[in-house]
Amino acid sequence: MNRTFMLGYLQGVIEAAPAVLSASKTDEFATAMVIQHLRHAGIDSLAIHDFLIDDAHLDPRMVSRYMNLNADELESAQANILNQAR
């Protein structure tokens, strides 16, 4: 999967996130979504980590926190963030 596609996917998630989310919560939501999506696509963890930090310029601490979650935990994190939008 190329970087252009991954950046486009990230941008699409950010644009589709609820407008009531703060910028930091939108970044968290997008990080969790991208990690989950790229894992399903078979991208290795190091490539995902490097993409999110080097190409997408997301906070390294936040990326590391979400990289340590499994699929169920990522889904729960996304749901919790979206529940804050209500």
C-alpha atoms as a PDB file:
ATOM      1  CA  MET A   1       0.000   0.000   0.000  1.00  0.00           C
ATOM      2  CA  ASN A   2       1.552   3.323  -0.951  1.00  0.00           C
ATOM      3  CA  ARG A   3       1.921   6.420   1.194  1.00  0.00           C
ATOM      4  CA  THR A   4      -0.373   8.503  -1.018  1.00  0.00           C
ATOM      5  CA  PHE A   5      -3.238   6.066  -0.479  1.00  0.00           C
ATOM      6  CA  MET A   6      -2.582   5.894   3.268  1.00  0.00           C
ATOM      7  CA  LEU A   7      -2.488   9.693   3.567  1.00  0.00           C
ATOM      8  CA  GLY A   8      -5.722   9.894   1.580  1.00  0.00           C
ATOM      9  CA  TYR A   9      -7.382   7.372   3.868  1.00  0.00           C
ATOM     10  CA  LEU A  10      -6.216   9.309   6.940  1.00  0.00           C
ATOM     11  CA  GLN A  11      -7.511  12.577   5.466  1.00  0.00           C
ATOM     12  CA  GLY A  12     -10.857  10.950   4.664  1.00  0.00           C
ATOM     13  CA  VAL A  13     -11.244   9.721   8.247  1.00  0.00           C
ATOM     14  CA  ILE A  14     -10.415  13.174   9.589  1.00  0.00           C
ATOM     15  CA  GLU A  15     -12.917  14.839   7.247  1.00  0.00           C
ATOM     16  CA  ALA A  16     -15.653  12.319   8.107  1.00  0.00           C
ATOM     17  CA  ALA A  17     -15.168  12.609  11.884  1.00  0.00           C
ATOM     18  CA  PRO A  18     -17.949  14.388  13.756  1.00  0.00           C
ATOM     19  CA  ALA A  19     -17.404  18.145  13.783  1.00  0.00           C
ATOM     20  CA  VAL A  20     -18.019  18.338  17.536  1.00  0.00           C
ATOM     21  CA  LEU A  21     -14.807  16.418  18.259  1.00  0.00           C
ATOM     22  CA  SER A  22     -11.824  18.515  19.265  1.00  0.00           C
ATOM     23  CA  ALA A  23      -8.773  18.445  17.036  1.00  0.00           C
ATOM     24  CA  SER A  24      -6.951  16.150  19.437  1.00  0.00           C
ATOM     25  CA  LYS A  25      -9.889  13.728  19.653  1.00  0.00           C
ATOM     26  CA  THR A  26     -10.184  13.756  15.864  1.00  0.00           C
ATOM     27  CA  ASP A  27      -6.495  12.835  15.649  1.00  0.00           C
ATOM     28  CA  GLU A  28      -7.018  10.033  18.171  1.00  0.00           C
ATOM     29  CA  PHE A  29     -10.020   8.704  16.257  1.00  0.00           C
ATOM     30  CA  ALA A  30      -8.143   8.854  12.951  1.00  0.00           C
ATOM     31  CA  THR A  31      -5.094   7.159  14.462  1.00  0.00           C
ATOM     32  CA  ALA A  32      -7.158   4.261  15.788  1.00  0.00           C
ATOM     33  CA  MET A  33      -9.030   3.912  12.477  1.00  0.00           C
ATOM     34  CA  VAL A  34      -5.882   3.986  10.348  1.00  0.00           C
ATOM     35  CA  ILE A  35      -4.059   1.466  12.538  1.00  0.00           C
ATOM     36  CA  GLN A  36      -7.010  -0.900  12.384  1.00  0.00           C
ATOM     37  CA  HIS A  37      -7.456  -0.470   8.621  1.00  0.00           C
ATOM     38  CA  LEU A  38      -3.779  -0.930   7.799  1.00  0.00           C
ATOM     39  CA  ARG A  39      -3.494  -3.991  10.033  1.00  0.00           C
ATOM     40  CA  HIS A  40      -6.431  -5.546   8.171  1.00  0.00           C
ATOM     41  CA  ALA A  41      -4.610  -4.736   4.932  1.00  0.00           C
ATOM     42  CA  GLY A  42      -1.591  -6.699   6.155  1.00  0.00           C
ATOM     43  CA  ILE A  43       0.770  -3.786   6.735  1.00  0.00           C
ATOM     44  CA  ASP A  44       3.363  -4.518   9.420  1.00  0.00           C
ATOM     45  CA  SER A  45       3.371  -2.559  12.658  1.00  0.00           C
ATOM     46  CA  LEU A  46       6.682  -0.809  12.055  1.00  0.00           C
ATOM     47  CA  ALA A  47       5.502   0.528   8.690  1.00  0.00           C
ATOM     48  CA  ILE A  48       2.244   1.769  10.258  1.00  0.00           C
ATOM     49  CA  HIS A  49       4.126   3.408  13.132  1.00  0.00           C
ATOM     50  CA  ASP A  50       6.606   5.111  10.803  1.00  0.00           C
ATOM     51  CA  PHE A  51       3.854   6.272   8.454  1.00  0.00           C
ATOM     52  CA  LEU A  52       1.805   7.857  11.254  1.00  0.00           C
ATOM     53  CA  ILE A  53       4.800   9.646  12.757  1.00  0.00           C
ATOM     54  CA  ASP A  54       7.004  10.480   9.757  1.00  0.00           C
ATOM     55  CA  ASP A  55       4.405  11.037   7.032  1.00  0.00           C
ATOM     56  CA  ALA A  56       1.229  11.985   8.894  1.00  0.00           C
ATOM     57  CA  HIS A  57       3.126  13.883  11.621  1.00  0.00           C
ATOM     58  CA  LEU A  58       0.941  12.595  14.453  1.00  0.00           C
ATOM     59  CA  ASP A  59       2.022  12.679  18.087  1.00  0.00           C
ATOM     60  CA  PRO A  60       4.450   9.788  18.708  1.00  0.00           C
ATOM     61  CA  ARG A  61       3.105   9.122  22.212  1.00  0.00           C
ATOM     62  CA  MET A  62      -0.450   8.852  20.935  1.00  0.00           C
ATOM     63  CA  VAL A  63       0.612   6.600  18.062  1.00  0.00           C
ATOM     64  CA  SER A  64       2.514   4.302  20.433  1.00  0.00           C
ATOM     65  CA  ARG A  65      -0.457   4.118  22.789  1.00  0.00           C
ATOM     66  CA  TYR A  66      -2.810   3.026  20.004  1.00  0.00           C
ATOM     67  CA  MET A  67      -0.263   0.711  18.362  1.00  0.00           C
ATOM     68  CA  ASN A  68      -0.266  -1.365  21.560  1.00  0.00           C
ATOM     69  CA  LEU A  69      -4.016  -2.042  21.336  1.00  0.00           C
ATOM     70  CA  ASN A  70      -5.509  -5.133  19.743  1.00  0.00           C
ATOM     71  CA  ALA A  71      -8.424  -4.992  17.275  1.00  0.00           C
ATOM     72  CA  ASP A  72     -11.131  -5.141  19.952  1.00  0.00           C
ATOM     73  CA  GLU A  73      -9.454  -2.432  22.010  1.00  0.00           C
ATOM     74  CA  LEU A  74      -9.099  -0.216  18.936  1.00  0.00           C
ATOM     75  CA  GLU A  75     -12.821  -0.604  18.202  1.00  0.00           C
ATOM     76  CA  SER A  76     -13.659   0.238  21.806  1.00  0.00           C
ATOM     77  CA  ALA A  77     -11.410   3.294  21.709  1.00  0.00           C
ATOM     78  CA  GLN A  78     -13.114   4.493  18.524  1.00  0.00           C
ATOM     79  CA  ALA A  79     -16.560   3.954  20.068  1.00  0.00           C
ATOM     80  CA  ASN A  80     -15.554   5.845  23.210  1.00  0.00           C
ATOM     81  CA  ILE A  81     -14.319   8.787  21.162  1.00  0.00           C
ATOM     82  CA  LEU A  82     -17.510   8.847  19.091  1.00  0.00           C
ATOM     83  CA  ASN A  83     -19.633   8.662  22.249  1.00  0.00           C
ATOM     84  CA  GLN A  84     -17.970  11.880  23.376  1.00  0.00           C
ATOM     85  CA  ALA A  85     -19.367  13.528  20.243  1.00  0.00           C
ATOM     86  CA  ARG A  86     -22.939  13.097  21.455  1.00  0.00           C
END
